[in-house]
Amino acid sequence: MIFEGFIFMRLNFILQCMNSFMISFLSLQTEVFKSPGYKKFVTQKGGSMDLLMCLAPKKAQSLTFTFNNSKIKKIISIERRKELINETVQKLRERLIRWRKFTRTTLDP
């Protein structure tokens, strides 16, 4: 038996690189979660994590207020457009009435 050599397949190589990267990333993540510094960061009182937990409801409210404000602005713009359209329709009605009066008086013998 004579072996001519291995055939390099790029797709398999890329998949193996991605698998090794994912395994190293997951093992690094588990090491971070096991570390005493992370446990101290999560359990500390008056620290940044505690502050984030206190501010979470305010952040949710601010997102709600932002969403509601955008909806209110949209409704107001729709109402303004509706008022403008109604004013235009009213002007057209008045002009149509004047035109009808004009045609009746001027064009009829």
N, C-alpha and C. Protein backbone atom coordinates (compact mmCIF):
# COMPACT_ATOMS: atom_id res chain seq x y z
N MET A 1 0.83 -1.18 0.00
CA MET A 1 0.00 0.00 0.00
C MET A 1 0.87 1.25 0.00
N ILE A 2 0.56 2.12 -0.90
CA ILE A 2 1.29 3.38 -1.00
C ILE A 2 0.29 4.50 -0.75
N PHE A 3 0.62 5.35 0.24
CA PHE A 3 -0.23 6.50 0.54
C PHE A 3 0.32 7.72 -0.19
N GLU A 4 -0.52 8.39 -0.87
CA GLU A 4 -0.07 9.57 -1.60
C GLU A 4 -0.13 10.83 -0.75
N GLY A 5 -0.82 10.81 0.34
CA GLY A 5 -0.93 11.98 1.20
C GLY A 5 -2.38 12.30 1.51
N PHE A 6 -2.52 13.24 2.38
CA PHE A 6 -3.86 13.66 2.79
C PHE A 6 -4.39 14.73 1.85
N ILE A 7 -5.69 14.75 1.69
CA ILE A 7 -6.34 15.79 0.90
C ILE A 7 -6.86 16.84 1.88
N PHE A 8 -6.43 18.07 1.69
CA PHE A 8 -6.84 19.16 2.58
C PHE A 8 -8.21 19.66 2.14
N MET A 9 -9.20 19.53 3.04
CA MET A 9 -10.55 20.01 2.73
C MET A 9 -10.82 21.24 3.60
N ARG A 10 -11.00 22.36 2.96
CA ARG A 10 -11.16 23.63 3.67
C ARG A 10 -12.40 23.63 4.57
N LEU A 11 -13.49 23.09 4.07
CA LEU A 11 -14.73 23.12 4.84
C LEU A 11 -14.57 22.36 6.15
N ASN A 12 -13.96 21.18 6.10
CA ASN A 12 -13.74 20.42 7.34
C ASN A 12 -12.81 21.15 8.28
N PHE A 13 -11.77 21.78 7.73
CA PHE A 13 -10.84 22.54 8.57
C PHE A 13 -11.54 23.71 9.25
N ILE A 14 -12.37 24.42 8.52
CA ILE A 14 -13.10 25.57 9.08
C ILE A 14 -14.06 25.09 10.17
N LEU A 15 -14.75 23.98 9.92
CA LEU A 15 -15.66 23.46 10.94
C LEU A 15 -14.92 23.03 12.20
N GLN A 16 -13.76 22.42 12.03
CA GLN A 16 -12.96 22.02 13.20
C GLN A 16 -12.47 23.24 13.98
N CYS A 17 -12.07 24.29 13.26
CA CYS A 17 -11.66 25.53 13.93
C CYS A 17 -12.81 26.14 14.70
N MET A 18 -14.00 26.16 14.11
CA MET A 18 -15.17 26.71 14.78
C MET A 18 -15.53 25.89 16.01
N ASN A 19 -15.45 24.56 15.90
CA ASN A 19 -15.75 23.71 17.06
C ASN A 19 -14.76 23.95 18.19
N SER A 20 -13.49 24.05 17.86
CA SER A 20 -12.50 24.28 18.91
C SER A 20 -12.68 25.66 19.54
N PHE A 21 -13.05 26.66 18.73
CA PHE A 21 -13.30 27.99 19.28
C PHE A 21 -14.50 27.97 20.22
N MET A 22 -15.56 27.29 19.83
CA MET A 22 -16.75 27.23 20.69
C MET A 22 -16.46 26.49 21.98
N ILE A 23 -15.71 25.41 21.91
CA ILE A 23 -15.36 24.67 23.13
C ILE A 23 -14.51 25.52 24.05
N SER A 24 -13.54 26.23 23.50
CA SER A 24 -12.70 27.08 24.35
C SER A 24 -13.49 28.24 24.93
N PHE A 25 -14.41 28.80 24.15
CA PHE A 25 -15.24 29.91 24.65
C PHE A 25 -16.14 29.44 25.79
N LEU A 26 -16.76 28.27 25.64
CA LEU A 26 -17.63 27.74 26.69
C LEU A 26 -16.85 27.39 27.95
N SER A 27 -15.67 26.82 27.79
CA SER A 27 -14.87 26.49 28.98
C SER A 27 -14.41 27.76 29.67
N LEU A 28 -14.05 28.79 28.92
CA LEU A 28 -13.68 30.07 29.52
C LEU A 28 -14.85 30.69 30.26
N GLN A 29 -16.04 30.59 29.68
CA GLN A 29 -17.23 31.15 30.32
C GLN A 29 -17.53 30.42 31.63
N THR A 30 -17.40 29.10 31.66
CA THR A 30 -17.65 28.36 32.91
C THR A 30 -16.61 28.71 33.95
N GLU A 31 -15.37 28.95 33.52
CA GLU A 31 -14.34 29.35 34.48
C GLU A 31 -14.63 30.73 35.07
N VAL A 32 -15.14 31.62 34.24
CA VAL A 32 -15.50 32.95 34.74
C VAL A 32 -16.62 32.84 35.76
N PHE A 33 -17.64 32.03 35.49
CA PHE A 33 -18.76 31.88 36.42
C PHE A 33 -18.34 31.21 37.73
N LYS A 34 -17.30 30.39 37.70
CA LYS A 34 -16.82 29.73 38.92
C LYS A 34 -15.88 30.61 39.73
N SER A 35 -15.38 31.68 39.15
CA SER A 35 -14.34 32.49 39.80
C SER A 35 -14.90 33.22 41.01
N PRO A 36 -14.06 33.42 42.04
CA PRO A 36 -14.52 34.15 43.24
C PRO A 36 -14.82 35.62 42.95
N GLY A 37 -14.14 36.20 41.98
CA GLY A 37 -14.41 37.60 41.63
C GLY A 37 -15.82 37.78 41.10
N TYR A 38 -16.28 36.85 40.27
CA TYR A 38 -17.63 36.93 39.73
C TYR A 38 -18.66 36.74 40.84
N LYS A 39 -18.42 35.77 41.73
CA LYS A 39 -19.34 35.54 42.85
C LYS A 39 -19.43 36.77 43.73
N LYS A 40 -18.29 37.42 43.95
CA LYS A 40 -18.28 38.65 44.77
C LYS A 40 -19.05 39.76 44.05
N PHE A 41 -18.85 39.85 42.72
CA PHE A 41 -19.54 40.88 41.94
C PHE A 41 -21.05 40.69 41.99
N VAL A 42 -21.51 39.44 41.94
CA VAL A 42 -22.94 39.16 41.91
C VAL A 42 -23.56 39.33 43.28
N THR A 43 -22.86 38.96 44.34
CA THR A 43 -23.45 38.98 45.68
C THR A 43 -23.17 40.24 46.47
N GLN A 44 -22.41 41.18 45.95
CA GLN A 44 -22.08 42.36 46.74
C GLN A 44 -23.30 43.27 46.93
N LYS A 45 -23.34 43.93 48.03
CA LYS A 45 -24.42 44.87 48.34
C LYS A 45 -23.91 46.29 48.13
N GLY A 46 -24.72 47.10 47.51
CA GLY A 46 -24.35 48.49 47.27
C GLY A 46 -23.38 48.66 46.12
N GLY A 47 -23.11 47.59 45.40
CA GLY A 47 -22.18 47.66 44.28
C GLY A 47 -22.91 47.90 42.97
N SER A 48 -22.20 47.67 41.91
CA SER A 48 -22.76 47.97 40.59
C SER A 48 -23.88 47.01 40.22
N MET A 49 -23.77 45.74 40.60
CA MET A 49 -24.84 44.79 40.27
C MET A 49 -26.11 45.12 41.05
N ASP A 50 -25.94 45.49 42.33
CA ASP A 50 -27.08 45.88 43.15
C ASP A 50 -27.75 47.13 42.59
N LEU A 51 -26.91 48.06 42.12
CA LEU A 51 -27.45 49.28 41.52
C LEU A 51 -28.21 48.96 40.23
N LEU A 52 -27.68 48.04 39.44
CA LEU A 52 -28.38 47.64 38.22
C LEU A 52 -29.73 47.02 38.53
N MET A 53 -29.78 46.21 39.58
CA MET A 53 -31.04 45.58 39.96
C MET A 53 -32.05 46.63 40.43
N CYS A 54 -31.58 47.67 41.10
CA CYS A 54 -32.49 48.73 41.55
C CYS A 54 -32.99 49.57 40.38
N LEU A 55 -32.15 49.73 39.38
CA LEU A 55 -32.52 50.59 38.25
C LEU A 55 -33.30 49.85 37.16
N ALA A 56 -33.41 48.54 37.26
CA ALA A 56 -34.11 47.77 36.23
C ALA A 56 -35.56 48.21 36.04
N PRO A 57 -36.34 48.40 37.13
CA PRO A 57 -37.73 48.86 36.92
C PRO A 57 -37.81 50.25 36.27
N LYS A 58 -36.87 51.13 36.65
CA LYS A 58 -36.87 52.47 36.04
C LYS A 58 -36.56 52.39 34.55
N LYS A 59 -35.65 51.49 34.20
CA LYS A 59 -35.33 51.33 32.79
C LYS A 59 -36.53 50.80 32.03
N ALA A 60 -37.25 49.86 32.61
CA ALA A 60 -38.45 49.33 31.96
C ALA A 60 -39.50 50.43 31.80
N GLN A 61 -39.65 51.26 32.84
CA GLN A 61 -40.60 52.36 32.74
C GLN A 61 -40.19 53.36 31.66
N SER A 62 -38.89 53.64 31.58
CA SER A 62 -38.46 54.61 30.58
C SER A 62 -38.70 54.09 29.17
N LEU A 63 -38.49 52.78 28.97
CA LEU A 63 -38.80 52.21 27.65
C LEU A 63 -40.29 52.30 27.36
N THR A 64 -41.11 52.05 28.38
CA THR A 64 -42.56 52.15 28.21
C THR A 64 -42.96 53.58 27.90
N PHE A 65 -42.38 54.55 28.64
CA PHE A 65 -42.70 55.95 28.39
C PHE A 65 -42.27 56.37 26.99
N THR A 66 -41.11 55.92 26.56
CA THR A 66 -40.65 56.25 25.21
C THR A 66 -41.59 55.69 24.16
N PHE A 67 -42.00 54.44 24.35
CA PHE A 67 -42.93 53.82 23.40
C PHE A 67 -44.26 54.56 23.39
N ASN A 68 -44.79 54.88 24.59
CA ASN A 68 -46.06 55.59 24.66
C ASN A 68 -45.96 56.99 24.06
N ASN A 69 -44.84 57.67 24.29
CA ASN A 69 -44.67 59.00 23.72
C ASN A 69 -44.65 58.95 22.20
N SER A 70 -43.99 57.94 21.65
CA SER A 70 -43.98 57.84 20.19
C SER A 70 -45.37 57.55 19.65
N LYS A 71 -46.14 56.72 20.37
CA LYS A 71 -47.52 56.45 19.94
C LYS A 71 -48.37 57.71 20.03
N ILE A 72 -48.21 58.47 21.11
CA ILE A 72 -48.98 59.71 21.28
C ILE A 72 -48.62 60.70 20.17
N LYS A 73 -47.34 60.83 19.85
CA LYS A 73 -46.93 61.73 18.77
C LYS A 73 -47.54 61.30 17.44
N LYS A 74 -47.58 60.00 17.22
CA LYS A 74 -48.17 59.49 15.98
C LYS A 74 -49.66 59.81 15.92
N ILE A 75 -50.35 59.61 17.03
CA ILE A 75 -51.79 59.91 17.09
C ILE A 75 -52.04 61.39 16.86
N ILE A 76 -51.22 62.24 17.48
CA ILE A 76 -51.38 63.69 17.31
C ILE A 76 -51.15 64.09 15.86
N SER A 77 -50.13 63.50 15.22
CA SER A 77 -49.88 63.84 13.81
C SER A 77 -51.04 63.37 12.92
N ILE A 78 -51.61 62.22 13.23
CA ILE A 78 -52.76 61.74 12.47
C ILE A 78 -53.95 62.68 12.65
N GLU A 79 -54.19 63.13 13.89
CA GLU A 79 -55.29 64.06 14.16
C GLU A 79 -55.08 65.38 13.44
N ARG A 80 -53.83 65.87 13.42
CA ARG A 80 -53.56 67.13 12.71
C ARG A 80 -53.81 66.98 11.22
N ARG A 81 -53.37 65.84 10.66
CA ARG A 81 -53.63 65.61 9.24
C ARG A 81 -55.12 65.51 8.97
N LYS A 82 -55.85 64.87 9.89
CA LYS A 82 -57.29 64.75 9.72
C LYS A 82 -57.95 66.13 9.77
N GLU A 83 -57.51 66.99 10.68
CA GLU A 83 -58.07 68.34 10.76
C GLU A 83 -57.77 69.13 9.48
N LEU A 84 -56.56 68.98 8.96
CA LEU A 84 -56.19 69.67 7.73
C LEU A 84 -57.04 69.19 6.56
N ILE A 85 -57.26 67.89 6.50
CA ILE A 85 -58.10 67.33 5.44
C ILE A 85 -59.54 67.83 5.58
N ASN A 86 -60.05 67.86 6.81
CA ASN A 86 -61.41 68.36 7.04
C ASN A 86 -61.54 69.83 6.65
N GLU A 87 -60.53 70.64 6.98
CA GLU A 87 -60.56 72.05 6.59
C GLU A 87 -60.56 72.19 5.06
N THR A 88 -59.74 71.38 4.41
CA THR A 88 -59.70 71.42 2.95
C THR A 88 -61.03 71.00 2.34
N VAL A 89 -61.62 69.96 2.91
CA VAL A 89 -62.93 69.50 2.42
C VAL A 89 -63.98 70.58 2.64
N GLN A 90 -63.94 71.26 3.77
CA GLN A 90 -64.90 72.33 4.05
C GLN A 90 -64.74 73.48 3.05
N LYS A 91 -63.49 73.84 2.75
CA LYS A 91 -63.26 74.89 1.75
C LYS A 91 -63.78 74.47 0.38
N LEU A 92 -63.55 73.22 0.03
CA LEU A 92 -64.05 72.73 -1.26
C LEU A 92 -65.57 72.74 -1.30
N ARG A 93 -66.22 72.38 -0.18
CA ARG A 93 -67.68 72.43 -0.14
C ARG A 93 -68.19 73.84 -0.36
N GLU A 94 -67.55 74.80 0.33
CA GLU A 94 -67.96 76.20 0.17
C GLU A 94 -67.77 76.65 -1.28
N ARG A 95 -66.65 76.30 -1.87
CA ARG A 95 -66.41 76.69 -3.26
C ARG A 95 -67.39 76.00 -4.21
N LEU A 96 -67.72 74.75 -3.92
CA LEU A 96 -68.69 74.03 -4.74
C LEU A 96 -70.06 74.69 -4.63
N ILE A 97 -70.46 75.09 -3.42
CA ILE A 97 -71.74 75.77 -3.23
C ILE A 97 -71.75 77.09 -3.99
N ARG A 98 -70.65 77.85 -3.88
CA ARG A 98 -70.58 79.12 -4.62
C ARG A 98 -70.61 78.88 -6.12
N TRP A 99 -69.95 77.83 -6.59
CA TRP A 99 -69.95 77.53 -8.02
C TRP A 99 -71.35 77.16 -8.49
N ARG A 100 -72.07 76.38 -7.70
CA ARG A 100 -73.44 76.01 -8.07
C ARG A 100 -74.34 77.25 -8.13
N LYS A 101 -74.19 78.12 -7.13
CA LYS A 101 -74.97 79.36 -7.15
C LYS A 101 -74.63 80.19 -8.38
N PHE A 102 -73.34 80.29 -8.69
CA PHE A 102 -72.91 81.06 -9.83
C PHE A 102 -73.47 80.49 -11.13
N THR A 103 -73.39 79.16 -11.27
CA THR A 103 -73.90 78.57 -12.51
C THR A 103 -75.40 78.71 -12.62
N ARG A 104 -76.13 78.66 -11.53
CA ARG A 104 -77.59 78.81 -11.58
C ARG A 104 -77.99 80.23 -11.95
N THR A 105 -77.32 81.18 -11.37
CA THR A 105 -77.73 82.57 -11.62
C THR A 105 -77.19 83.11 -12.93
N THR A 106 -76.00 82.74 -13.29
CA THR A 106 -75.37 83.31 -14.47
C THR A 106 -75.69 82.53 -15.74
N LEU A 107 -75.68 81.23 -15.67
CA LEU A 107 -75.83 80.45 -16.89
C LEU A 107 -77.29 80.17 -17.23
N ASP A 108 -78.16 80.17 -16.23
CA ASP A 108 -79.58 79.91 -16.53
C ASP A 108 -80.23 81.21 -17.02
N PRO A 109 -81.05 81.11 -18.05
CA PRO A 109 -81.70 82.33 -18.58
C PRO A 109 -82.86 82.80 -17.75
